Each structure stands twice: as structure tokens, then as C-alpha cells.
PDB file of all heavy atoms in Angstrom:
ATOM      1  N   ALA A   1     -70.222 -10.618  19.789  1.00  0.00           N
ATOM      2  CA  ALA A   1     -69.269 -11.184  18.832  1.00  0.00           C
ATOM      3  C   ALA A   1     -69.754 -12.477  18.200  1.00  0.00           C
ATOM      4  O   ALA A   1     -69.573 -12.722  17.008  1.00  0.00           O
ATOM      5  CB  ALA A   1     -67.903 -11.387  19.517  1.00  0.00           C
ATOM      6  N   VAL A   2     -70.406 -13.310  19.010  1.00  0.00           N
ATOM      7  CA  VAL A   2     -70.924 -14.587  18.507  1.00  0.00           C
ATOM      8  C   VAL A   2     -72.060 -14.361  17.510  1.00  0.00           C
ATOM      9  O   VAL A   2     -72.137 -15.013  16.457  1.00  0.00           O
ATOM     10  CB  VAL A   2     -71.391 -15.474  19.677  1.00  0.00           C
ATOM     11  CG1 VAL A   2     -72.255 -16.630  19.152  1.00  0.00           C
ATOM     12  CG2 VAL A   2     -70.216 -15.994  20.465  1.00  0.00           C
ATOM     13  N   ILE A   3     -72.955 -13.434  17.799  1.00  0.00           N
ATOM     14  CA  ILE A   3     -74.057 -13.153  16.890  1.00  0.00           C
ATOM     15  C   ILE A   3     -73.545 -12.565  15.554  1.00  0.00           C
ATOM     16  O   ILE A   3     -74.003 -12.950  14.488  1.00  0.00           O
ATOM     17  CB  ILE A   3     -75.062 -12.198  17.552  1.00  0.00           C
ATOM     18  CG1 ILE A   3     -75.732 -12.902  18.744  1.00  0.00           C
ATOM     19  CG2 ILE A   3     -76.116 -11.723  16.547  1.00  0.00           C
ATOM     20  CD1 ILE A   3     -76.612 -12.021  19.583  1.00  0.00           C
ATOM     21  N   LEU A   4     -72.588 -11.672  15.638  1.00  0.00           N
ATOM     22  CA  LEU A   4     -71.977 -11.107  14.423  1.00  0.00           C
ATOM     23  C   LEU A   4     -71.302 -12.200  13.619  1.00  0.00           C
ATOM     24  O   LEU A   4     -71.411 -12.253  12.379  1.00  0.00           O
ATOM     25  CB  LEU A   4     -70.957 -10.032  14.808  1.00  0.00           C
ATOM     26  CG  LEU A   4     -71.515  -8.718  15.316  1.00  0.00           C
ATOM     27  CD1 LEU A   4     -70.374  -7.804  15.786  1.00  0.00           C
ATOM     28  CD2 LEU A   4     -72.317  -8.002  14.255  1.00  0.00           C
ATOM     29  N   SER A   5     -70.599 -13.119  14.323  1.00  0.00           N
ATOM     30  CA  SER A   5     -69.909 -14.223  13.602  1.00  0.00           C
ATOM     31  C   SER A   5     -70.922 -15.112  12.917  1.00  0.00           C
ATOM     32  O   SER A   5     -70.699 -15.545  11.755  1.00  0.00           O
ATOM     33  CB  SER A   5     -69.094 -15.041  14.618  1.00  0.00           C
ATOM     34  OG  SER A   5     -68.035 -14.284  15.154  1.00  0.00           O
ATOM     35  N   ALA A   6     -72.033 -15.402  13.569  1.00  0.00           N
ATOM     36  CA  ALA A   6     -73.082 -16.246  12.959  1.00  0.00           C
ATOM     37  C   ALA A   6     -73.587 -15.629  11.681  1.00  0.00           C
ATOM     38  O   ALA A   6     -73.823 -16.325  10.660  1.00  0.00           O
ATOM     39  CB  ALA A   6     -74.206 -16.461  13.952  1.00  0.00           C
ATOM     40  N   ALA A   7     -73.797 -14.293  11.716  1.00  0.00           N
ATOM     41  CA  ALA A   7     -74.302 -13.613  10.510  1.00  0.00           C
ATOM     42  C   ALA A   7     -73.282 -13.709   9.374  1.00  0.00           C
ATOM     43  O   ALA A   7     -73.659 -13.954   8.193  1.00  0.00           O
ATOM     44  CB  ALA A   7     -74.598 -12.144  10.842  1.00  0.00           C
ATOM     45  N   ILE A   8     -72.015 -13.539   9.694  1.00  0.00           N
ATOM     46  CA  ILE A   8     -70.961 -13.640   8.677  1.00  0.00           C
ATOM     47  C   ILE A   8     -70.935 -15.043   8.089  1.00  0.00           C
ATOM     48  O   ILE A   8     -70.866 -15.212   6.871  1.00  0.00           O
ATOM     49  CB  ILE A   8     -69.602 -13.262   9.277  1.00  0.00           C
ATOM     50  CG1 ILE A   8     -69.584 -11.772   9.663  1.00  0.00           C
ATOM     51  CG2 ILE A   8     -68.462 -13.574   8.294  1.00  0.00           C
ATOM     52  CD1 ILE A   8     -68.366 -11.361  10.478  1.00  0.00           C
ATOM     53  N   TRP A   9     -70.989 -16.067   8.942  1.00  0.00           N
ATOM     54  CA  TRP A   9     -70.903 -17.425   8.463  1.00  0.00           C
ATOM     55  C   TRP A   9     -72.123 -17.861   7.674  1.00  0.00           C
ATOM     56  O   TRP A   9     -71.997 -18.637   6.724  1.00  0.00           O
ATOM     57  CB  TRP A   9     -70.628 -18.382   9.610  1.00  0.00           C
ATOM     58  CG  TRP A   9     -69.186 -18.788   9.652  1.00  0.00           C
ATOM     59  CD1 TRP A   9     -68.631 -19.906   9.077  1.00  0.00           C
ATOM     60  CD2 TRP A   9     -68.104 -18.064  10.252  1.00  0.00           C
ATOM     61  NE1 TRP A   9     -67.258 -19.918   9.311  1.00  0.00           N
ATOM     62  CE2 TRP A   9     -66.914 -18.796  10.003  1.00  0.00           C
ATOM     63  CE3 TRP A   9     -68.002 -16.871  10.959  1.00  0.00           C
ATOM     64  CZ2 TRP A   9     -65.664 -18.361  10.445  1.00  0.00           C
ATOM     65  CZ3 TRP A   9     -66.785 -16.456  11.422  1.00  0.00           C
ATOM     66  CH2 TRP A   9     -65.635 -17.196  11.166  1.00  0.00           C
ATOM     67  N   LEU A  10     -73.284 -17.368   8.047  1.00  0.00           N
ATOM     68  CA  LEU A  10     -74.467 -17.695   7.282  1.00  0.00           C
ATOM     69  C   LEU A  10     -74.360 -17.151   5.856  1.00  0.00           C
ATOM     70  O   LEU A  10     -74.680 -17.850   4.892  1.00  0.00           O
ATOM     71  CB  LEU A  10     -75.714 -17.119   7.994  1.00  0.00           C
ATOM     72  CG  LEU A  10     -77.077 -17.573   7.437  1.00  0.00           C
ATOM     73  CD1 LEU A  10     -77.167 -19.095   7.535  1.00  0.00           C
ATOM     74  CD2 LEU A  10     -78.195 -16.914   8.206  1.00  0.00           C
ATOM     75  N   ALA A  11     -73.901 -15.906   5.732  1.00  0.00           N
ATOM     76  CA  ALA A  11     -73.703 -15.327   4.400  1.00  0.00           C
ATOM     77  C   ALA A  11     -72.619 -16.087   3.645  1.00  0.00           C
ATOM     78  O   ALA A  11     -72.741 -16.365   2.438  1.00  0.00           O
ATOM     79  CB  ALA A  11     -73.328 -13.868   4.533  1.00  0.00           C
ATOM     80  N   LEU A  12     -71.552 -16.419   4.338  1.00  0.00           N
ATOM     81  CA  LEU A  12     -70.433 -17.168   3.725  1.00  0.00           C
ATOM     82  C   LEU A  12     -70.920 -18.519   3.162  1.00  0.00           C
ATOM     83  O   LEU A  12     -70.611 -18.882   2.021  1.00  0.00           O
ATOM     84  CB  LEU A  12     -69.355 -17.410   4.771  1.00  0.00           C
ATOM     85  CG  LEU A  12     -68.161 -18.278   4.359  1.00  0.00           C
ATOM     86  CD1 LEU A  12     -67.219 -17.483   3.499  1.00  0.00           C
ATOM     87  CD2 LEU A  12     -67.442 -18.831   5.557  1.00  0.00           C
ATOM     88  N   MET A  13     -71.701 -19.233   3.953  1.00  0.00           N
ATOM     89  CA  MET A  13     -72.119 -20.558   3.533  1.00  0.00           C
ATOM     90  C   MET A  13     -73.096 -20.506   2.389  1.00  0.00           C
ATOM     91  O   MET A  13     -73.072 -21.377   1.476  1.00  0.00           O
ATOM     92  CB  MET A  13     -72.750 -21.310   4.725  1.00  0.00           C
ATOM     93  CG  MET A  13     -71.774 -21.602   5.846  1.00  0.00           C
ATOM     94  SD  MET A  13     -70.389 -22.628   5.326  1.00  0.00           S
ATOM     95  CE  MET A  13     -71.110 -24.268   5.464  1.00  0.00           C
ATOM     96  N   MET A  14     -73.955 -19.487   2.310  1.00  0.00           N
ATOM     97  CA  MET A  14     -74.881 -19.382   1.198  1.00  0.00           C
ATOM     98  C   MET A  14     -74.137 -19.067  -0.088  1.00  0.00           C
ATOM     99  O   MET A  14     -74.506 -19.526  -1.178  1.00  0.00           O
ATOM    100  CB  MET A  14     -75.929 -18.314   1.497  1.00  0.00           C
ATOM    101  CG  MET A  14     -76.954 -18.781   2.536  1.00  0.00           C
ATOM    102  SD  MET A  14     -78.392 -17.691   2.690  1.00  0.00           S
ATOM    103  CE  MET A  14     -77.628 -16.237   3.429  1.00  0.00           C
ATOM    104  N   ALA A  15     -73.046 -18.289   0.004  1.00  0.00           N
ATOM    105  CA  ALA A  15     -72.243 -18.003  -1.175  1.00  0.00           C
ATOM    106  C   ALA A  15     -71.458 -19.250  -1.605  1.00  0.00           C
ATOM    107  O   ALA A  15     -71.336 -19.555  -2.808  1.00  0.00           O
ATOM    108  CB  ALA A  15     -71.279 -16.848  -0.902  1.00  0.00           C
ATOM    109  N   LEU A  16     -70.930 -19.980  -0.633  1.00  0.00           N
ATOM    110  CA  LEU A  16     -70.163 -21.186  -0.945  1.00  0.00           C
ATOM    111  C   LEU A  16     -71.056 -22.275  -1.524  1.00  0.00           C
ATOM    112  O   LEU A  16     -70.623 -23.094  -2.353  1.00  0.00           O
ATOM    113  CB  LEU A  16     -69.459 -21.705   0.312  1.00  0.00           C
ATOM    114  CG  LEU A  16     -68.280 -20.889   0.814  1.00  0.00           C
ATOM    115  CD1 LEU A  16     -67.666 -21.528   2.055  1.00  0.00           C
ATOM    116  CD2 LEU A  16     -67.237 -20.726  -0.276  1.00  0.00           C
ATOM    117  N   ALA A  17     -72.316 -22.304  -1.118  1.00  0.00           N
ATOM    118  CA  ALA A  17     -73.253 -23.289  -1.697  1.00  0.00           C
ATOM    119  C   ALA A  17     -73.394 -23.090  -3.194  1.00  0.00           C
ATOM    120  O   ALA A  17     -73.441 -24.022  -3.967  1.00  0.00           O
ATOM    121  CB  ALA A  17     -74.634 -23.168  -1.000  1.00  0.00           C
ATOM    122  N   GLU A  18     -73.455 -21.805  -3.632  1.00  0.00           N
ATOM    123  CA  GLU A  18     -73.515 -21.522  -5.065  1.00  0.00           C
ATOM    124  C   GLU A  18     -72.235 -21.942  -5.762  1.00  0.00           C
ATOM    125  O   GLU A  18     -72.263 -22.587  -6.820  1.00  0.00           O
ATOM    126  CB  GLU A  18     -73.757 -20.041  -5.303  1.00  0.00           C
ATOM    127  CG  GLU A  18     -73.787 -19.649  -6.753  1.00  0.00           C
ATOM    128  CD  GLU A  18     -73.999 -18.170  -6.998  1.00  0.00           C
ATOM    129  OE1 GLU A  18     -75.036 -17.648  -6.473  1.00  0.00           O
ATOM    130  OE2 GLU A  18     -73.191 -17.546  -7.680  1.00  0.00           O
ATOM    131  N   LEU A  19     -71.093 -21.575  -5.190  1.00  0.00           N
ATOM    132  CA  LEU A  19     -69.826 -21.917  -5.797  1.00  0.00           C
ATOM    133  C   LEU A  19     -69.648 -23.430  -5.904  1.00  0.00           C
ATOM    134  O   LEU A  19     -69.108 -23.949  -6.913  1.00  0.00           O
ATOM    135  CB  LEU A  19     -68.683 -21.277  -5.009  1.00  0.00           C
ATOM    136  CG  LEU A  19     -68.570 -19.754  -5.068  1.00  0.00           C
ATOM    137  CD1 LEU A  19     -67.550 -19.235  -4.086  1.00  0.00           C
ATOM    138  CD2 LEU A  19     -68.225 -19.310  -6.482  1.00  0.00           C
ATOM    139  N   SER A  20     -70.073 -24.150  -4.870  1.00  0.00           N
ATOM    140  CA  SER A  20     -69.946 -25.598  -4.870  1.00  0.00           C
ATOM    141  C   SER A  20     -70.835 -26.246  -5.918  1.00  0.00           C
ATOM    142  O   SER A  20     -70.539 -27.323  -6.430  1.00  0.00           O
ATOM    143  CB  SER A  20     -70.302 -26.171  -3.492  1.00  0.00           C
ATOM    144  OG  SER A  20     -69.414 -25.705  -2.515  1.00  0.00           O
ATOM    145  N   SER A  21     -71.950 -25.600  -6.224  1.00  0.00           N
ATOM    146  CA  SER A  21     -72.859 -26.167  -7.252  1.00  0.00           C
ATOM    147  C   SER A  21     -72.333 -25.984  -8.653  1.00  0.00           C
ATOM    148  O   SER A  21     -72.661 -26.784  -9.543  1.00  0.00           O
ATOM    149  CB  SER A  21     -74.253 -25.489  -7.138  1.00  0.00           C
ATOM    150  OG  SER A  21     -74.233 -24.176  -7.627  1.00  0.00           O
ATOM    151  N   ILE A  22     -71.537 -24.959  -8.899  1.00  0.00           N
ATOM    152  CA  ILE A  22     -70.994 -24.756 -10.242  1.00  0.00           C
ATOM    153  C   ILE A  22     -69.586 -25.306 -10.381  1.00  0.00           C
ATOM    154  O   ILE A  22     -69.128 -25.589 -11.492  1.00  0.00           O
ATOM    155  CB  ILE A  22     -71.017 -23.259 -10.652  1.00  0.00           C
ATOM    156  CG1 ILE A  22     -70.162 -22.418  -9.702  1.00  0.00           C
ATOM    157  CG2 ILE A  22     -72.440 -22.741 -10.704  1.00  0.00           C
ATOM    158  CD1 ILE A  22     -70.090 -20.937 -10.101  1.00  0.00           C
ATOM    159  N   ILE A  23     -68.867 -25.472  -9.262  1.00  0.00           N
ATOM    160  CA  ILE A  23     -67.505 -26.043  -9.281  1.00  0.00           C
ATOM    161  C   ILE A  23     -67.432 -27.106  -8.185  1.00  0.00           C
ATOM    162  O   ILE A  23     -66.824 -26.907  -7.118  1.00  0.00           O
ATOM    163  CB  ILE A  23     -66.414 -24.966  -9.067  1.00  0.00           C
ATOM    164  CG1 ILE A  23     -66.649 -23.778  -9.990  1.00  0.00           C
ATOM    165  CG2 ILE A  23     -65.016 -25.545  -9.297  1.00  0.00           C
ATOM    166  CD1 ILE A  23     -65.704 -22.621  -9.745  1.00  0.00           C
ATOM    167  N   PRO A  24     -68.066 -28.256  -8.385  1.00  0.00           N
ATOM    168  CA  PRO A  24     -68.135 -29.280  -7.340  1.00  0.00           C
ATOM    169  C   PRO A  24     -66.874 -30.171  -7.264  1.00  0.00           C
ATOM    170  O   PRO A  24     -66.845 -31.295  -7.735  1.00  0.00           O
ATOM    171  CB  PRO A  24     -69.347 -30.109  -7.737  1.00  0.00           C
ATOM    172  CG  PRO A  24     -69.347 -30.041  -9.233  1.00  0.00           C
ATOM    173  CD  PRO A  24     -68.833 -28.678  -9.597  1.00  0.00           C
ATOM    174  N   THR A  25     -65.809 -29.633  -6.673  1.00  0.00           N
ATOM    175  CA  THR A  25     -64.554 -30.364  -6.592  1.00  0.00           C
ATOM    176  C   THR A  25     -64.065 -30.450  -5.148  1.00  0.00           C
ATOM    177  O   THR A  25     -64.509 -29.664  -4.294  1.00  0.00           O
ATOM    178  CB  THR A  25     -63.448 -29.704  -7.421  1.00  0.00           C
ATOM    179  OG1 THR A  25     -63.057 -28.489  -6.780  1.00  0.00           O
ATOM    180  CG2 THR A  25     -63.914 -29.417  -8.823  1.00  0.00           C
ATOM    181  N   ALA A  26     -63.128 -31.375  -4.893  1.00  0.00           N
ATOM    182  CA  ALA A  26     -62.555 -31.514  -3.561  1.00  0.00           C
ATOM    183  C   ALA A  26     -61.733 -30.306  -3.180  1.00  0.00           C
ATOM    184  O   ALA A  26     -61.429 -30.079  -2.008  1.00  0.00           O
ATOM    185  CB  ALA A  26     -61.697 -32.790  -3.499  1.00  0.00           C
TER     186      ALA A  26
END
């Protein structure tokens, strides 16, 4: 479960990094 969660969060964070770069708001 921990390894699966890590994979999900790694994908999540890479997508959020893009969104944060185009919409950098609080």
C-alpha cells in the first residue's frame, strides 16, 4: 500500500508542478 501510494503521489506532484507554473496562486 505504501509503494502504491508513493507512485500515486509522485504522479500527482508532477502534474501539480505544471499547474502551479501556469497558475501560481495561493
